[in-house]
Amino acid sequence: MADRRLVARYRLGRLLGAGGMGTVWRAYDELLGRDVAIKRIELADDTPADERAMLCARAAREARAAAMLDHPGIVTVHDVVEPDGRPWIIMELVEGRSLDDAVAAEGPFPPRRVAAIGALLLDALAAAHTKGLLHRDVKPANVLLADDGRVVLTDFGIAALDGDPALTRAGALLGSPGFIAPERLRDDPSGPASDLWSVGATLYAAVEGRAPYDAATPLAALGAVLTGDAPPPVRAGPLAPVLLRMLDRDPAARITTADAAAALRRVADGHAPDLAAPPPPQPAPAPGTGSAGPVTPGAGRTVVRTIRRPAGRRRAVLVAGIVAAVLVVAAGVLVARGYGGTGSAVRTGPHPASAVYACRLVTAAQARDLLDGATGRGGGRYGGCDWASATVPGMLSVTKPDAVTASFAAARDRMAIKRNELLATVQSERNTMDKRTWAWPYAGRKTSVQGISVTGLKALPGVADEAVTYTDRGSPPYDIVNVALREGNVVLELQWTGPRTGPAAAAGRARRAAAAIAVTLARMEGRG
């Protein structure tokens, strides 16, 4: 793209970097005679048109919001252009190197230097939070140590595309494993305290030379954030207590941004941090509720029935995603037919289920109704069960539960990990869909389908405490609708294979099957 001009004004120069959400070039603004950085938002070629339009609109909106910020510690956004149907963000060019690169080159930074960097970062974040903007992707790679002495936070409001609830992607968490606050992984409400946690993880990495949740795999890092505290830093000296307060996994007990900034300034000046005592611990929320009230349906996944898979399938977790549309469902119809979600009316003294067997989660009557006459139940994959129809090309598969945890809270954490795992599955399938086929028995024969596309991960409201879905689309027009759900302390997966349209369309049948299973689990937990 060297010497290419954008909107007859910006001459693109050399490539500066590329990531999951965008590619950045150095460029020259020929109208104003200045160097700039230009970031193009990247979209997968097979992203559905509705998701592509929503992602582009969201990127442009976030960039324009970031353009309102005027702070020396935040990269300035000059303009947003869309010459090819996707946003190109025109930004201030900051000469320097990232904190990530600096630590890699120099080794761990001294505590006072790290504290000074942290105070400047929190000052920049405070200016943005005042405008109602969250960063959501603070990490060492997004902190620039400018040649002019500034500490500058980049990708503000540009990379973070998972904002308000009306447009959020179910389970799609932007950021790097180990730098995402635990409440965001749990899909709980997040705010300035979540950015503060990420700053704490960033400063920890700078002073220790490694991330606080340094794990062998991205998924292990996500699990560590959800289930354990960061190990006490050994190089941080007087900075250590500040970092640990910033990294408190409970946002209500976490130090405030203002107090953290004051403590960091004291450490940078060579004094003790002078921290106030943390607030007393709050009582645990009632089962089935979160910090902000009842848990609402969220996100999850399923397994694809494939006959042939390409070698070397990529399993790395990609903590980025595709904006998902919110599904609007006539829940009353499902309730009337015995497939309703678990509302507050049935939450009377729930207790965790103990043993859960996949073959008992769908009754014979439900199977006959769902499949227009099920031919029988056979042993499924991974200790699960399969039901096949004799009259419609449909098949229901339920896996052995991924988790039957000792508590509702532990199941929520397990579901959060699964959502991130599924994001990787969706991306991997998008990369290999042209090599995928699947088959299932129907009316005495096997029906073979060639995969053509896979949708993004979407929320499936109203069927369980949390549920998500994505669909593998094939040719001829048959779908595998994958669903992962959490009901109480149980996390499991199901998939429905069937026609894309018509009375037995896979999407509707998969939803009814998931709701039926959720009702069965709720009764096992004493909620109905």
Protein backbone atom coordinates (compact mmCIF):
# COMPACT_ATOMS: atom_id res chain seq x y z
CA MET A 1 0.00 0.00 0.00
CA ALA A 2 3.02 2.29 -0.19
CA ASP A 3 2.16 5.65 -1.81
CA ARG A 4 -1.53 4.85 -1.89
CA ARG A 5 -3.73 7.89 -1.19
CA LEU A 6 -6.76 7.74 1.04
CA VAL A 7 -9.64 10.11 0.20
CA ALA A 8 -7.21 12.07 -1.98
CA ARG A 9 -5.56 13.49 1.11
CA TYR A 10 -3.64 10.97 3.18
CA ARG A 11 -0.61 9.30 1.55
CA LEU A 12 -0.01 5.93 3.18
CA GLY A 13 3.55 5.07 4.07
CA ARG A 14 5.06 2.10 5.85
CA LEU A 15 3.14 -0.42 7.91
CA LEU A 16 3.51 0.21 11.65
CA GLY A 17 1.68 -2.79 13.03
CA ALA A 18 -1.29 -5.13 12.79
CA GLY A 19 -3.52 -6.80 15.33
CA GLY A 20 -6.82 -8.61 15.68
CA MET A 21 -8.94 -5.50 15.17
CA GLY A 22 -6.90 -3.33 12.84
CA THR A 23 -3.85 -2.49 10.76
CA VAL A 24 -1.90 0.74 11.31
CA TRP A 25 0.14 2.71 8.78
CA ARG A 26 2.28 5.78 9.03
CA ALA A 27 0.86 8.37 6.64
CA TYR A 28 1.19 11.99 5.57
CA ASP A 29 -1.70 14.46 5.62
CA GLU A 30 -1.09 16.42 2.42
CA LEU A 31 -3.76 19.01 3.24
CA LEU A 32 -2.35 20.04 6.62
CA GLY A 33 1.23 19.00 5.99
CA ARG A 34 1.73 16.67 8.96
CA ASP A 35 2.52 13.04 9.70
CA VAL A 36 -0.31 10.93 11.07
CA ALA A 37 -1.09 7.33 11.94
CA ILE A 38 -4.00 5.65 10.18
CA LYS A 39 -5.75 2.57 11.48
CA ARG A 40 -8.04 0.47 9.31
CA ILE A 41 -10.62 -1.65 11.12
CA GLU A 42 -10.23 -5.22 9.85
CA LEU A 43 -13.18 -7.49 9.13
CA ALA A 44 -13.17 -11.14 8.15
CA ASP A 45 -14.17 -11.70 4.52
CA ASP A 46 -17.05 -13.95 5.56
CA THR A 47 -18.47 -11.63 8.22
CA PRO A 48 -22.25 -11.51 7.63
CA ALA A 49 -23.49 -8.23 6.16
CA ASP A 50 -25.55 -7.23 9.20
CA GLU A 51 -22.63 -7.83 11.57
CA ARG A 52 -20.26 -6.01 9.20
CA ALA A 53 -22.54 -2.96 9.11
CA MET A 54 -22.95 -2.94 12.89
CA LEU A 55 -19.21 -3.32 13.50
CA CYS A 56 -18.35 -0.50 11.11
CA ALA A 57 -20.97 1.81 12.59
CA ARG A 58 -19.76 1.04 16.08
CA ALA A 59 -16.10 1.61 15.20
CA ALA A 60 -16.88 4.97 13.62
CA ARG A 61 -19.01 6.01 16.59
CA GLU A 62 -16.37 5.05 19.14
CA ALA A 63 -13.66 6.84 17.16
CA ARG A 64 -15.72 10.02 16.95
CA ALA A 65 -16.33 9.83 20.68
CA ALA A 66 -12.59 9.44 21.28
CA ALA A 67 -12.02 12.50 19.08
CA MET A 68 -13.73 14.57 21.78
CA LEU A 69 -10.90 13.80 24.19
CA ASP A 70 -8.16 16.38 24.51
CA HIS A 71 -5.47 15.12 26.86
CA PRO A 72 -1.69 14.78 26.43
CA GLY A 73 -1.88 11.21 27.71
CA ILE A 74 -4.38 10.04 25.07
CA VAL A 75 -3.64 9.63 21.38
CA THR A 76 -5.65 12.29 19.55
CA VAL A 77 -8.16 11.14 16.94
CA HIS A 78 -8.30 13.63 14.05
CA ASP A 79 -10.82 12.11 11.67
CA VAL A 80 -12.79 9.05 10.57
CA VAL A 81 -13.21 8.24 6.87
CA GLU A 82 -14.93 5.30 5.16
CA PRO A 83 -13.73 5.18 1.55
CA ASP A 84 -14.27 1.44 1.14
CA GLY A 85 -17.19 0.79 3.48
CA ARG A 86 -15.06 0.31 6.58
CA PRO A 87 -13.71 2.89 9.04
CA TRP A 88 -10.18 4.28 8.69
CA ILE A 89 -9.19 6.18 11.85
CA ILE A 90 -6.85 9.15 11.38
CA MET A 91 -4.79 9.63 14.55
CA GLU A 92 -1.92 11.56 16.02
CA LEU A 93 1.41 9.92 15.24
CA VAL A 94 3.32 9.35 18.47
CA GLU A 95 7.04 8.72 18.04
CA GLY A 96 8.32 6.30 20.66
CA ARG A 97 7.92 2.69 21.71
CA SER A 98 5.39 0.72 23.67
CA LEU A 99 5.82 -0.15 27.32
CA ASP A 100 5.73 -3.78 26.25
CA ASP A 101 8.69 -3.31 23.91
CA ALA A 102 10.59 -1.19 26.44
CA VAL A 103 10.35 -3.81 29.20
CA ALA A 104 11.33 -6.53 26.73
CA ALA A 105 14.43 -4.54 25.80
CA GLU A 106 15.45 -3.15 29.21
CA GLY A 107 14.03 -5.65 31.67
CA PRO A 108 11.74 -4.84 34.61
CA PHE A 109 11.40 -1.13 35.40
CA PRO A 110 12.20 0.35 38.86
CA PRO A 111 9.14 0.80 41.11
CA ARG A 112 9.33 4.61 41.16
CA ARG A 113 9.41 4.78 37.36
CA VAL A 114 6.46 2.40 37.09
CA ALA A 115 4.52 4.39 39.68
CA ALA A 116 5.09 7.59 37.70
CA ILE A 117 3.85 5.89 34.52
CA GLY A 118 0.80 4.60 36.36
CA ALA A 119 -0.11 8.02 37.77
CA LEU A 120 -0.02 9.52 34.27
CA LEU A 121 -2.14 6.67 32.88
CA LEU A 122 -4.77 7.13 35.56
CA ASP A 123 -4.85 10.85 34.90
CA ALA A 124 -5.58 10.16 31.23
CA LEU A 125 -8.24 7.57 32.10
CA ALA A 126 -9.90 9.93 34.55
CA ALA A 127 -10.28 12.50 31.75
CA ALA A 128 -11.92 9.88 29.54
CA HIS A 129 -14.14 8.46 32.27
CA THR A 130 -15.44 11.96 32.93
CA LYS A 131 -16.69 11.92 29.32
CA GLY A 132 -18.29 8.52 29.86
CA LEU A 133 -15.71 6.63 27.81
CA LEU A 134 -14.02 3.42 28.91
CA HIS A 135 -10.87 2.04 27.34
CA ARG A 136 -11.41 -1.71 27.94
CA ASP A 137 -8.06 -2.73 26.46
CA VAL A 138 -5.35 -1.26 28.70
CA LYS A 139 -2.23 -3.39 28.38
CA PRO A 140 1.52 -2.76 28.00
CA ALA A 141 1.29 -2.82 24.19
CA ASN A 142 -1.22 0.06 24.27
CA VAL A 143 0.93 2.29 26.49
CA LEU A 144 3.38 4.41 24.49
CA LEU A 145 6.50 5.93 26.00
CA ALA A 146 6.83 8.89 23.67
CA ASP A 147 10.16 10.38 22.66
CA ASP A 148 8.94 13.75 23.98
CA GLY A 149 8.58 12.32 27.50
CA ARG A 150 4.83 11.75 27.49
CA VAL A 151 3.12 8.52 28.55
CA VAL A 152 0.34 8.05 26.01
CA LEU A 153 -2.56 5.61 26.00
CA THR A 154 -3.46 4.47 22.49
CA ASP A 155 -6.46 2.64 20.97
CA PHE A 156 -8.83 4.62 23.17
CA GLY A 157 -12.37 4.01 22.05
CA ILE A 158 -11.15 2.44 18.81
CA ALA A 159 -10.19 -1.12 19.64
CA ALA A 160 -12.85 -1.35 22.37
CA LEU A 161 -15.93 -2.22 20.35
CA ASP A 162 -17.92 -4.12 22.98
CA GLY A 163 -19.52 -1.11 24.66
CA ASP A 164 -23.08 -0.53 25.78
CA PRO A 165 -25.56 -3.32 26.43
CA ALA A 166 -27.71 -2.48 23.42
CA LEU A 167 -24.96 -3.39 20.97
CA THR A 168 -22.69 -5.69 22.93
CA ARG A 169 -21.39 -8.93 21.46
CA ALA A 170 -22.39 -11.88 23.58
CA GLY A 171 -19.28 -13.17 25.27
CA ALA A 172 -16.98 -11.25 22.98
CA LEU A 173 -14.31 -9.74 25.15
CA LEU A 174 -11.79 -7.47 23.60
CA GLY A 175 -8.39 -7.42 25.23
CA SER A 176 -5.46 -9.63 26.09
CA PRO A 177 -5.80 -12.60 28.44
CA GLY A 178 -4.40 -11.62 31.82
CA PHE A 179 -5.22 -7.93 31.37
CA ILE A 180 -9.04 -8.16 31.31
CA ALA A 181 -10.77 -7.46 34.64
CA PRO A 182 -12.54 -10.49 36.14
CA GLU A 183 -15.95 -8.81 36.14
CA ARG A 184 -15.68 -8.38 32.37
CA LEU A 185 -14.87 -12.08 31.98
CA ARG A 186 -17.95 -12.88 34.05
CA ASP A 187 -20.01 -10.57 31.83
CA ASP A 188 -20.91 -8.48 34.89
CA PRO A 189 -21.44 -4.72 34.63
CA SER A 190 -18.10 -2.98 34.15
CA GLY A 191 -16.96 0.61 34.47
CA PRO A 192 -13.96 2.71 35.43
CA ALA A 193 -12.94 0.11 38.02
CA SER A 194 -12.39 -2.38 35.20
CA ASP A 195 -9.95 -0.03 33.46
CA LEU A 196 -8.23 0.48 36.83
CA TRP A 197 -7.74 -3.28 37.19
CA SER A 198 -6.16 -3.44 33.74
CA VAL A 199 -3.80 -0.58 34.64
CA GLY A 200 -2.81 -2.53 37.76
CA ALA A 201 -2.02 -5.60 35.64
CA THR A 202 -0.05 -3.41 33.21
CA LEU A 203 2.05 -1.84 35.98
CA TYR A 204 2.60 -5.25 37.57
CA ALA A 205 4.00 -6.51 34.25
CA ALA A 206 6.28 -3.47 33.99
CA VAL A 207 7.79 -3.81 37.46
CA GLU A 208 7.94 -7.62 37.59
CA GLY A 209 8.83 -8.31 33.97
CA ARG A 210 5.87 -10.67 33.60
CA ALA A 211 2.10 -10.41 33.70
CA PRO A 212 0.35 -11.05 37.04
CA TYR A 213 -1.51 -13.98 35.46
CA ASP A 214 1.32 -15.40 33.40
CA ALA A 215 0.05 -18.75 32.10
CA ALA A 216 1.09 -21.22 29.44
CA THR A 217 -2.01 -20.63 27.32
CA PRO A 218 -4.48 -17.76 26.88
CA LEU A 219 -7.32 -19.90 28.20
CA ALA A 220 -5.32 -20.74 31.31
CA ALA A 221 -4.71 -17.03 31.89
CA LEU A 222 -8.43 -16.32 31.65
CA GLY A 223 -9.17 -19.08 34.12
CA ALA A 224 -6.51 -17.82 36.52
CA VAL A 225 -8.00 -14.31 36.55
CA LEU A 226 -11.42 -15.75 37.37
CA THR A 227 -10.36 -18.16 40.08
CA GLY A 228 -7.31 -16.82 41.91
CA ASP A 229 -5.48 -13.77 43.18
CA ALA A 230 -2.33 -12.48 41.53
CA PRO A 231 0.87 -13.66 43.23
CA PRO A 232 2.44 -10.96 45.43
CA PRO A 233 5.00 -8.97 43.43
CA VAL A 234 8.63 -9.42 44.48
CA ARG A 235 10.31 -6.45 42.76
CA ALA A 236 7.73 -3.77 43.46
CA GLY A 237 8.83 -2.60 46.92
CA PRO A 238 6.50 0.21 48.12
CA LEU A 239 4.48 -0.16 44.92
CA ALA A 240 3.36 -3.70 45.85
CA PRO A 241 0.40 -2.83 48.13
CA VAL A 242 -0.96 -0.38 45.56
CA LEU A 243 -0.84 -3.01 42.82
CA LEU A 244 -2.59 -5.60 44.94
CA ARG A 245 -5.38 -3.17 45.80
CA MET A 246 -5.78 -2.29 42.12
CA LEU A 247 -5.94 -6.00 41.26
CA ASP A 248 -8.60 -6.89 43.81
CA ARG A 249 -10.96 -9.25 41.98
CA ASP A 250 -13.98 -7.66 43.68
CA PRO A 251 -14.62 -4.28 42.00
CA ALA A 252 -16.52 -3.08 45.08
CA ALA A 253 -13.43 -3.64 47.25
CA ARG A 254 -10.97 -2.33 44.67
CA ILE A 255 -9.20 0.94 45.44
CA THR A 256 -10.70 3.97 43.68
CA THR A 257 -9.00 5.57 40.70
CA ALA A 258 -8.40 8.80 42.64
CA ASP A 259 -6.88 7.00 45.65
CA ALA A 260 -4.74 4.81 43.40
CA ALA A 261 -3.44 7.84 41.51
CA ALA A 262 -2.57 9.60 44.78
CA ALA A 263 -0.77 6.50 46.08
CA LEU A 264 1.17 6.10 42.84
CA ARG A 265 2.30 9.73 42.95
CA ARG A 266 3.58 9.22 46.50
CA VAL A 267 5.57 6.14 45.46
CA ALA A 268 6.94 8.00 42.43
CA ASP A 269 8.13 10.77 44.78
CA GLY A 270 9.92 8.24 46.98
CA HIS A 271 7.36 7.97 49.80
CA ALA A 272 5.21 5.18 51.22
CA PRO A 273 1.82 4.89 49.48
CA ASP A 274 -0.20 5.75 52.64
CA LEU A 275 -3.19 3.59 51.70
CA ALA A 276 -6.49 3.63 53.55
CA ALA A 277 -7.81 0.30 54.83
CA PRO A 278 -9.88 -1.62 52.27
CA PRO A 279 -13.66 -1.75 52.82
CA PRO A 280 -15.07 -4.76 54.71
CA PRO A 281 -16.04 -7.68 52.48
CA GLN A 282 -19.61 -7.67 51.20
CA PRO A 283 -21.90 -10.69 51.65
CA ALA A 284 -21.96 -13.04 48.70
CA PRO A 285 -24.89 -12.54 46.29
CA ALA A 286 -27.76 -14.97 46.39
CA PRO A 287 -27.51 -17.94 44.02
CA GLY A 288 -28.43 -16.99 40.50
CA THR A 289 -27.72 -13.30 40.99
CA GLY A 290 -24.76 -11.10 40.25
CA SER A 291 -23.42 -7.89 41.73
CA ALA A 292 -26.05 -5.89 39.87
CA GLY A 293 -29.08 -8.14 40.50
CA PRO A 294 -30.42 -11.28 38.81
CA VAL A 295 -28.16 -12.86 36.26
CA THR A 296 -29.53 -12.30 32.78
CA PRO A 297 -29.06 -14.71 29.92
CA GLY A 298 -25.62 -14.24 28.41
CA ALA A 299 -23.33 -16.32 26.22
CA GLY A 300 -21.87 -19.86 25.54
CA ARG A 301 -21.14 -22.44 22.77
CA THR A 302 -21.49 -25.91 21.24
CA VAL A 303 -19.71 -28.71 19.46
CA VAL A 304 -19.83 -29.24 15.69
CA ARG A 305 -20.50 -32.72 14.32
CA THR A 306 -17.89 -33.08 11.60
CA ILE A 307 -16.74 -36.01 9.54
CA ARG A 308 -13.59 -34.45 8.12
CA ARG A 309 -11.42 -31.81 9.76
CA PRO A 310 -8.28 -30.14 8.46
CA ALA A 311 -5.07 -30.85 10.30
CA GLY A 312 -3.63 -28.31 12.66
CA ARG A 313 -6.88 -26.71 13.75
CA ARG A 314 -6.06 -23.50 15.58
CA ARG A 315 -7.17 -23.50 19.23
CA ALA A 316 -5.70 -20.24 20.48
CA VAL A 317 -8.21 -18.00 22.23
CA LEU A 318 -8.90 -14.84 20.25
CA VAL A 319 -10.23 -12.27 22.67
CA ALA A 320 -11.90 -10.18 20.02
CA GLY A 321 -15.16 -10.88 18.31
CA ILE A 322 -18.04 -9.95 16.13
CA VAL A 323 -20.92 -7.74 17.19
CA ALA A 324 -23.99 -9.92 17.83
CA ALA A 325 -27.62 -8.99 17.30
CA VAL A 326 -29.93 -9.40 20.28
CA LEU A 327 -32.53 -12.11 19.70
CA VAL A 328 -36.12 -11.10 20.48
CA VAL A 329 -38.19 -14.17 21.40
CA ALA A 330 -41.81 -14.75 22.33
CA ALA A 331 -40.97 -16.39 25.65
CA GLY A 332 -44.63 -16.74 26.61
CA VAL A 333 -45.23 -19.23 23.80
CA LEU A 334 -42.33 -21.37 24.98
CA VAL A 335 -43.51 -21.27 28.58
CA ALA A 336 -46.99 -22.33 27.54
CA ARG A 337 -45.53 -25.37 25.77
CA GLY A 338 -43.32 -26.38 28.69
CA TYR A 339 -40.09 -24.92 27.32
CA GLY A 340 -39.97 -21.69 29.30
CA GLY A 341 -36.93 -19.93 30.71
CA THR A 342 -36.17 -19.80 34.42
CA GLY A 343 -37.72 -16.59 35.70
CA SER A 344 -37.63 -15.27 39.24
CA ALA A 345 -40.95 -16.96 40.05
CA VAL A 346 -39.34 -20.41 40.16
CA ARG A 347 -36.24 -19.41 42.14
CA THR A 348 -37.47 -20.66 45.48
CA GLY A 349 -34.59 -21.96 47.53
CA PRO A 350 -32.32 -23.28 44.74
CA HIS A 351 -29.50 -25.63 45.60
CA PRO A 352 -26.73 -26.90 43.33
CA ALA A 353 -27.51 -30.04 41.37
CA SER A 354 -25.22 -32.95 42.16
CA ALA A 355 -25.22 -35.59 39.40
CA VAL A 356 -26.47 -34.70 35.90
CA TYR A 357 -26.86 -37.25 33.09
CA ALA A 358 -27.33 -36.02 29.54
CA CYS A 359 -29.82 -38.74 28.60
CA ARG A 360 -32.20 -37.63 31.37
CA LEU A 361 -32.27 -33.97 30.40
CA VAL A 362 -34.85 -34.43 27.64
CA THR A 363 -37.94 -36.53 28.38
CA ALA A 364 -39.41 -38.95 25.87
CA ALA A 365 -42.43 -36.68 25.42
CA GLN A 366 -40.24 -33.64 24.81
CA ALA A 367 -38.10 -35.57 22.32
CA ARG A 368 -41.19 -36.67 20.37
CA ASP A 369 -42.47 -33.09 20.29
CA LEU A 370 -39.12 -31.52 19.39
CA LEU A 371 -38.29 -34.05 16.66
CA ASP A 372 -41.83 -34.73 15.34
CA GLY A 373 -41.38 -38.31 16.49
CA ALA A 374 -37.96 -39.30 17.74
CA THR A 375 -36.75 -42.71 16.61
CA GLY A 376 -34.84 -43.35 19.79
CA ARG A 377 -31.96 -42.31 21.94
CA GLY A 378 -28.43 -43.48 21.44
CA GLY A 379 -25.10 -42.96 23.11
CA GLY A 380 -23.72 -39.64 21.99
CA ARG A 381 -20.27 -38.11 21.96
CA TYR A 382 -18.36 -37.47 25.15
CA GLY A 383 -20.84 -39.35 27.32
CA GLY A 384 -23.81 -37.47 25.85
CA CYS A 385 -27.00 -38.52 24.07
CA ASP A 386 -28.41 -38.25 20.55
CA TRP A 387 -32.01 -38.17 19.40
CA ALA A 388 -32.93 -38.53 15.71
CA SER A 389 -36.21 -37.95 13.90
CA ALA A 390 -37.84 -40.37 11.49
CA THR A 391 -39.99 -37.74 9.80
CA VAL A 392 -37.87 -34.60 9.53
CA PRO A 393 -34.13 -34.26 8.86
CA GLY A 394 -33.41 -33.27 12.42
CA MET A 395 -31.07 -34.53 15.10
CA LEU A 396 -30.49 -33.35 18.68
CA SER A 397 -27.19 -34.02 20.44
CA VAL A 398 -26.55 -33.18 24.09
CA THR A 399 -23.06 -33.55 25.50
CA LYS A 400 -22.10 -34.70 28.93
CA PRO A 401 -22.09 -31.54 31.10
CA ASP A 402 -18.85 -29.62 30.84
CA ALA A 403 -19.15 -28.72 34.51
CA VAL A 404 -21.33 -29.60 37.48
CA THR A 405 -19.73 -27.27 39.99
CA ALA A 406 -20.07 -27.08 43.75
CA SER A 407 -21.54 -23.57 43.63
CA PHE A 408 -23.43 -21.21 41.35
CA ALA A 409 -20.55 -18.73 41.41
CA ALA A 410 -18.07 -21.36 40.23
CA ALA A 411 -20.39 -22.24 37.34
CA ARG A 412 -20.55 -18.60 36.28
CA ASP A 413 -16.76 -18.52 36.15
CA ARG A 414 -16.72 -21.74 34.13
CA MET A 415 -19.23 -20.31 31.69
CA ALA A 416 -17.11 -17.18 31.28
CA ILE A 417 -14.14 -19.32 30.32
CA LYS A 418 -16.29 -21.28 27.87
CA ARG A 419 -17.47 -18.11 26.14
CA ASN A 420 -13.89 -17.16 25.40
CA GLU A 421 -13.07 -20.68 24.30
CA LEU A 422 -15.99 -20.53 21.88
CA LEU A 423 -14.78 -17.32 20.33
CA ALA A 424 -11.65 -19.23 19.34
CA THR A 425 -13.78 -22.07 17.98
CA VAL A 426 -15.82 -19.72 15.81
CA GLN A 427 -12.70 -18.05 14.43
CA SER A 428 -11.06 -21.40 13.74
CA GLU A 429 -14.13 -22.65 11.92
CA ARG A 430 -14.25 -19.49 9.82
CA ASN A 431 -10.69 -20.19 8.75
CA THR A 432 -11.43 -23.80 7.78
CA MET A 433 -15.11 -23.88 6.80
CA ASP A 434 -14.37 -24.63 3.15
CA LYS A 435 -12.76 -27.90 4.25
CA ARG A 436 -15.57 -29.02 6.56
CA THR A 437 -18.34 -31.54 6.02
CA TRP A 438 -20.76 -33.11 8.43
CA ALA A 439 -23.26 -35.95 8.32
CA TRP A 440 -26.02 -37.41 10.44
CA PRO A 441 -28.38 -40.42 10.10
CA TYR A 442 -31.82 -39.60 8.75
CA ALA A 443 -34.52 -42.02 7.58
CA GLY A 444 -32.09 -44.90 7.31
CA ARG A 445 -29.37 -43.03 5.48
CA LYS A 446 -26.67 -40.51 6.16
CA THR A 447 -27.12 -36.98 4.94
CA SER A 448 -23.84 -35.28 4.04
CA VAL A 449 -23.51 -31.49 4.00
CA GLN A 450 -20.61 -29.27 2.94
CA GLY A 451 -19.91 -26.35 5.26
CA ILE A 452 -20.11 -22.88 3.71
CA SER A 453 -20.04 -20.37 6.60
CA VAL A 454 -20.28 -19.88 10.36
CA THR A 455 -22.04 -17.08 12.19
CA GLY A 456 -20.68 -15.08 15.10
CA LEU A 457 -21.39 -15.92 18.72
CA LYS A 458 -24.75 -14.48 19.82
CA ALA A 459 -26.70 -14.29 23.05
CA LEU A 460 -29.68 -16.60 23.38
CA PRO A 461 -31.92 -14.83 25.92
CA GLY A 462 -34.75 -16.37 27.87
CA VAL A 463 -33.77 -20.03 27.90
CA ALA A 464 -31.40 -20.35 30.89
CA ASP A 465 -29.34 -18.33 33.33
CA GLU A 466 -26.84 -17.82 30.51
CA ALA A 467 -26.81 -19.13 26.95
CA VAL A 468 -25.03 -18.41 23.69
CA THR A 469 -25.29 -19.80 20.21
CA TYR A 470 -23.58 -19.89 16.84
CA THR A 471 -24.53 -21.68 13.63
CA ASP A 472 -22.60 -23.67 11.06
CA ARG A 473 -24.31 -23.19 7.71
CA GLY A 474 -24.07 -25.77 4.96
CA SER A 475 -25.00 -26.48 1.38
CA PRO A 476 -27.63 -27.81 0.81
CA PRO A 477 -29.40 -25.43 3.22
CA TYR A 478 -28.94 -27.30 6.47
CA ASP A 479 -27.62 -25.86 9.72
CA ILE A 480 -25.91 -27.06 12.84
CA VAL A 481 -27.09 -24.74 15.60
CA ASN A 482 -24.71 -24.91 18.52
CA VAL A 483 -25.78 -23.81 22.00
CA ALA A 484 -23.90 -23.63 25.28
CA LEU A 485 -25.82 -22.81 28.42
CA ARG A 486 -25.49 -22.44 32.15
CA GLU A 487 -28.41 -23.25 34.39
CA GLY A 488 -27.58 -22.89 38.06
CA ASN A 489 -24.35 -24.80 38.67
CA VAL A 490 -24.41 -26.83 35.43
CA VAL A 491 -22.69 -25.89 32.16
CA LEU A 492 -23.37 -28.00 29.08
CA GLU A 493 -23.65 -27.93 25.30
CA LEU A 494 -26.13 -29.10 22.71
CA GLN A 495 -26.48 -28.91 18.97
CA TRP A 496 -29.37 -29.24 16.58
CA THR A 497 -28.80 -30.41 13.02
CA GLY A 498 -31.58 -29.73 10.54
CA PRO A 499 -33.01 -27.60 7.74
CA ARG A 500 -32.38 -23.86 7.72
CA THR A 501 -35.99 -22.88 6.98
CA GLY A 502 -39.48 -24.25 7.31
CA PRO A 503 -41.56 -25.60 10.20
CA ALA A 504 -38.65 -27.74 11.48
CA ALA A 505 -36.02 -25.00 11.08
CA ALA A 506 -32.96 -25.73 13.18
CA ALA A 507 -32.79 -22.33 14.92
CA GLY A 508 -36.23 -22.60 16.51
CA ARG A 509 -35.86 -26.26 17.42
CA ALA A 510 -32.45 -25.68 19.00
CA ARG A 511 -33.89 -22.90 21.15
CA ARG A 512 -36.81 -25.07 22.27
CA ALA A 513 -34.45 -27.92 23.11
CA ALA A 514 -32.20 -25.63 25.15
CA ALA A 515 -35.19 -24.22 27.03
CA ALA A 516 -36.48 -27.71 27.79
CA ILE A 517 -33.10 -28.74 29.22
CA ALA A 518 -32.91 -25.57 31.30
CA VAL A 519 -36.33 -26.28 32.81
CA THR A 520 -35.25 -29.82 33.70
CA LEU A 521 -32.10 -28.51 35.38
CA ALA A 522 -34.05 -25.83 37.26
CA ARG A 523 -36.33 -28.49 38.70
CA MET A 524 -33.32 -30.54 39.76
CA GLU A 525 -32.06 -27.47 41.63
CA GLY A 526 -35.39 -27.00 43.44
CA ARG A 527 -36.39 -23.93 41.44
CA GLY A 528 -39.59 -25.27 40.02
